[in-house]
Amino acid sequence: MDTKFNSEDFNEIMKKQFEALRQAVDTNDFYKAESGFVNIWQEMGRQVFEKLVKEPPPSQKKSKSSPPH
């Protein structure tokens, strides 16, 4: 996999979301804190994955249409 994504790019994504992570856990409601924290990490993971992968190889792309059932 050839990508130009590097540790500086990764750090930039993390820096952009750091304050959101801090705010997510700044509550007395443990469930709300955990849920917000997990959602932010999922979004950051998605961003990193998309930067790393860019586009799946042609053989692994999802089909645009599925046969009717």
Protein backbone atom coordinates (compact mmCIF):
# COMPACT_ATOMS: atom_id res chain seq x y z
CA MET A 1 0.00 0.00 0.00
CA ASP A 2 1.63 3.24 -1.15
CA THR A 3 0.54 6.25 0.87
CA LYS A 4 1.85 9.71 1.61
CA PHE A 5 0.14 9.66 5.02
CA ASN A 6 2.77 10.06 7.75
CA SER A 7 3.06 10.55 11.51
CA GLU A 8 2.65 14.33 11.16
CA ASP A 9 -0.67 13.78 9.36
CA PHE A 10 -1.72 11.36 12.10
CA ASN A 11 -0.76 13.85 14.80
CA GLU A 12 -2.76 16.57 13.06
CA ILE A 13 -5.90 14.46 13.14
CA MET A 14 -5.33 13.71 16.83
CA LYS A 15 -4.67 17.36 17.69
CA LYS A 16 -7.90 18.44 16.00
CA GLN A 17 -9.94 16.05 18.14
CA PHE A 18 -8.05 16.30 21.45
CA GLU A 19 -10.24 19.03 22.92
CA ALA A 20 -13.38 17.14 21.86
CA LEU A 21 -12.06 14.08 23.74
CA ARG A 22 -11.44 16.18 26.85
CA GLN A 23 -14.92 17.68 26.66
CA ALA A 24 -16.50 14.27 26.13
CA VAL A 25 -15.21 12.99 29.46
CA ASP A 26 -15.91 16.23 31.35
CA THR A 27 -19.24 15.05 32.74
CA ASN A 28 -20.56 13.26 35.81
CA ASP A 29 -22.52 10.86 33.60
CA PHE A 30 -20.16 7.93 33.03
CA TYR A 31 -22.23 6.42 30.19
CA LYS A 32 -22.37 9.76 28.35
CA ALA A 33 -18.62 10.27 28.83
CA GLU A 34 -17.77 6.79 27.59
CA SER A 35 -20.15 7.01 24.64
CA GLY A 36 -18.80 10.39 23.53
CA PHE A 37 -15.20 9.23 23.93
CA VAL A 38 -15.80 6.08 21.88
CA ASN A 39 -17.65 7.98 19.13
CA ILE A 40 -14.80 10.48 18.78
CA TRP A 41 -12.19 7.68 18.61
CA GLN A 42 -14.24 5.88 15.97
CA GLU A 43 -14.38 9.03 13.86
CA MET A 44 -10.62 9.58 14.24
CA GLY A 45 -10.00 5.93 13.31
CA ARG A 46 -12.17 6.32 10.21
CA GLN A 47 -10.23 9.43 9.17
CA VAL A 48 -6.87 7.72 9.65
CA PHE A 49 -8.02 4.59 7.81
CA GLU A 50 -9.30 6.62 4.86
CA LYS A 51 -6.02 8.56 4.66
CA LEU A 52 -4.00 5.34 4.77
CA VAL A 53 -6.07 3.32 2.34
CA LYS A 54 -7.31 6.06 0.00
CA GLU A 55 -9.09 3.69 -2.38
CA PRO A 56 -9.46 -0.09 -2.14
CA PRO A 57 -7.98 -2.17 -4.96
CA PRO A 58 -10.48 -2.66 -7.83
CA SER A 59 -11.10 -6.29 -6.91
CA GLN A 60 -12.20 -5.29 -3.39
CA LYS A 61 -14.57 -2.43 -4.17
CA LYS A 62 -18.17 -2.87 -3.19
CA SER A 63 -20.46 -3.49 -6.09
CA LYS A 64 -22.59 -0.51 -6.98
CA SER A 65 -25.71 -2.56 -7.49
CA SER A 66 -26.92 -5.79 -6.09
CA PRO A 67 -29.18 -8.24 -7.84
CA PRO A 68 -32.84 -7.99 -6.85
CA HIS A 69 -34.21 -10.60 -4.46
